[in-house]
Amino acid sequence: MNNTRFATAIHIMTLLSASPQDWLTSEWIAGSININPVIVRKELSVLRNAGLIISRQGKEGGSQLARKAGSITISEIYAAVKNTEVLGKKNLNPNPVCAVGRNINNHLNVLFTETDKLVSEFLGNKTLQEFTDQFK
């Protein structure tokens, strides 16, 4: 993943975890991350669709965790925002006449799948609460 989506999502989730009783606004969250609130709202929507947060609109609006931080794994957050392979993208049109080019994507598929599984397993052993506790 060669972007900041995971870092933004984990920042959002950590803020929500650190203030479980508060309804945090996208503007307040954006101030902590130092990014545009529109980006925060986009990621909040993704996290809400994944069932990780709840939100309410209006004057008393904001977002909270949908479950206790101890029951949310980092791998769930990763899965919610993952949009590329950990190792990047494959070349779409390798040369089919070349012995390597003809078979590279088949072998890369295995490598990518195994790497993604390792990352998910590693992150699955860590909870949002454990991550949040580092900031106390």
Protein backbone atom coordinates (compact mmCIF):
# COMPACT_ATOMS: atom_id res chain seq x y z
CA MET A 1 0.00 0.00 0.00
CA ASN A 2 1.82 3.05 -1.26
CA ASN A 3 -0.44 5.72 0.17
CA THR A 4 -1.46 7.13 3.54
CA ARG A 5 -4.91 5.54 3.83
CA PHE A 6 -3.88 3.02 6.48
CA ALA A 7 -1.95 5.64 8.47
CA THR A 8 -4.96 7.97 8.31
CA ALA A 9 -7.40 5.23 9.31
CA ILE A 10 -5.28 4.04 12.24
CA HIS A 11 -4.89 7.67 13.39
CA ILE A 12 -8.68 8.15 13.26
CA MET A 13 -9.34 4.88 15.07
CA THR A 14 -6.74 5.66 17.75
CA LEU A 15 -8.33 9.05 18.41
CA LEU A 16 -11.76 7.42 18.72
CA SER A 17 -10.32 4.74 20.98
CA ALA A 18 -8.66 7.31 23.24
CA SER A 19 -12.00 9.15 23.69
CA PRO A 20 -14.61 6.37 23.67
CA GLN A 21 -17.41 8.45 25.22
CA ASP A 22 -16.97 11.47 22.95
CA TRP A 23 -18.43 12.10 19.51
CA LEU A 24 -15.42 13.35 17.58
CA THR A 25 -16.05 15.57 14.55
CA SER A 26 -14.22 15.23 11.27
CA GLU A 27 -12.88 18.75 11.74
CA TRP A 28 -11.40 17.88 15.14
CA ILE A 29 -9.90 14.63 13.81
CA ALA A 30 -8.50 16.46 10.77
CA GLY A 31 -6.79 18.91 13.11
CA SER A 32 -4.93 16.07 14.80
CA ILE A 33 -3.86 14.51 11.51
CA ASN A 34 -3.26 17.93 9.93
CA ILE A 35 -5.24 17.11 6.79
CA ASN A 36 -8.40 18.35 5.10
CA PRO A 37 -11.63 17.28 6.87
CA VAL A 38 -12.96 16.03 3.52
CA ILE A 39 -10.29 13.29 3.53
CA VAL A 40 -11.26 12.38 7.09
CA ARG A 41 -14.93 12.16 6.13
CA LYS A 42 -14.07 9.85 3.23
CA GLU A 43 -12.15 7.50 5.53
CA LEU A 44 -14.87 7.71 8.20
CA SER A 45 -17.33 6.53 5.57
CA VAL A 46 -15.11 3.56 4.71
CA LEU A 47 -14.66 2.68 8.40
CA ARG A 48 -18.41 3.01 8.98
CA ASN A 49 -19.17 0.73 6.02
CA ALA A 50 -16.77 -1.82 7.52
CA GLY A 51 -18.74 -1.70 10.78
CA LEU A 52 -15.85 -0.28 12.79
CA ILE A 53 -17.39 3.08 13.69
CA ILE A 54 -20.76 4.70 14.09
CA SER A 55 -21.56 8.31 13.25
CA ARG A 56 -24.34 10.76 13.84
CA GLN A 57 -25.05 14.05 12.15
CA GLY A 58 -26.09 17.39 13.48
CA LYS A 59 -24.99 19.80 16.15
CA GLU A 60 -24.13 16.97 18.55
CA GLY A 61 -22.72 14.82 15.74
CA GLY A 62 -19.46 13.03 15.28
CA SER A 63 -18.07 9.52 15.28
CA GLN A 64 -17.36 6.82 17.85
CA LEU A 65 -16.11 3.25 17.75
CA ALA A 66 -18.82 0.70 16.95
CA ARG A 67 -17.21 -1.79 19.37
CA LYS A 68 -14.77 -1.67 22.23
CA ALA A 69 -11.19 -1.05 21.08
CA GLY A 70 -10.08 -4.35 22.61
CA SER A 71 -12.29 -6.25 20.17
CA ILE A 72 -11.08 -4.44 17.04
CA THR A 73 -7.94 -5.80 15.43
CA ILE A 74 -5.50 -3.74 13.43
CA SER A 75 -6.04 -6.20 10.58
CA GLU A 76 -9.72 -5.19 10.42
CA ILE A 77 -8.69 -1.57 9.95
CA TYR A 78 -6.12 -2.60 7.35
CA ALA A 79 -8.70 -4.68 5.46
CA ALA A 80 -11.17 -1.78 5.46
CA VAL A 81 -8.80 0.62 3.70
CA LYS A 82 -6.55 -1.72 1.72
CA ASN A 83 -6.71 -0.84 -1.96
CA THR A 84 -3.46 -2.28 -3.33
CA GLU A 85 -1.25 -5.25 -2.71
CA VAL A 86 1.42 -4.88 -0.03
CA LEU A 87 4.12 -5.44 -2.65
CA GLY A 88 2.59 -3.09 -5.21
CA LYS A 89 1.14 -3.85 -8.61
CA LYS A 90 2.11 -6.43 -11.18
CA ASN A 91 3.05 -5.52 -14.73
CA LEU A 92 -0.10 -5.91 -16.78
CA ASN A 93 1.41 -6.97 -20.10
CA PRO A 94 4.67 -8.91 -19.71
CA ASN A 95 6.09 -10.38 -22.89
CA PRO A 96 4.38 -13.75 -23.51
CA VAL A 97 7.27 -14.93 -25.69
CA CYS A 98 9.72 -14.58 -22.79
CA ALA A 99 9.90 -17.56 -20.41
CA VAL A 100 9.91 -15.22 -17.43
CA GLY A 101 7.36 -12.79 -18.83
CA ARG A 102 4.98 -15.61 -19.70
CA ASN A 103 4.94 -16.95 -16.10
CA ILE A 104 5.86 -14.01 -13.87
CA ASN A 105 2.33 -13.00 -12.87
CA ASN A 106 1.38 -16.55 -11.86
CA HIS A 107 4.37 -16.69 -9.54
CA LEU A 108 3.78 -13.14 -8.30
CA ASN A 109 0.18 -14.07 -7.44
CA VAL A 110 1.47 -16.71 -5.03
CA LEU A 111 4.03 -14.32 -3.55
CA PHE A 112 1.46 -11.54 -3.16
CA THR A 113 -1.11 -13.86 -1.58
CA GLU A 114 1.41 -15.28 0.91
CA THR A 115 2.69 -11.80 1.83
CA ASP A 116 -0.84 -10.45 2.33
CA LYS A 117 -1.67 -13.43 4.54
CA LEU A 118 1.42 -12.79 6.70
CA VAL A 119 0.59 -9.10 7.06
CA SER A 120 -3.03 -9.87 8.00
CA GLU A 121 -1.97 -12.50 10.54
CA PHE A 122 0.61 -10.16 12.07
CA LEU A 123 -1.87 -7.28 12.35
CA GLY A 124 -4.61 -9.65 13.53
CA ASN A 125 -2.63 -10.35 16.68
CA LYS A 126 -2.77 -6.68 17.69
CA THR A 127 -5.84 -4.87 18.98
CA LEU A 128 -6.70 -1.23 18.62
CA GLN A 129 -6.65 -0.99 22.42
CA GLU A 130 -3.06 -2.26 22.56
CA PHE A 131 -2.08 0.27 19.92
CA THR A 132 -3.90 3.11 21.70
CA ASP A 133 -2.29 2.24 25.04
CA GLN A 134 1.08 3.28 23.62
CA PHE A 135 -0.04 6.93 23.76
CA LYS A 136 -0.82 7.02 27.48
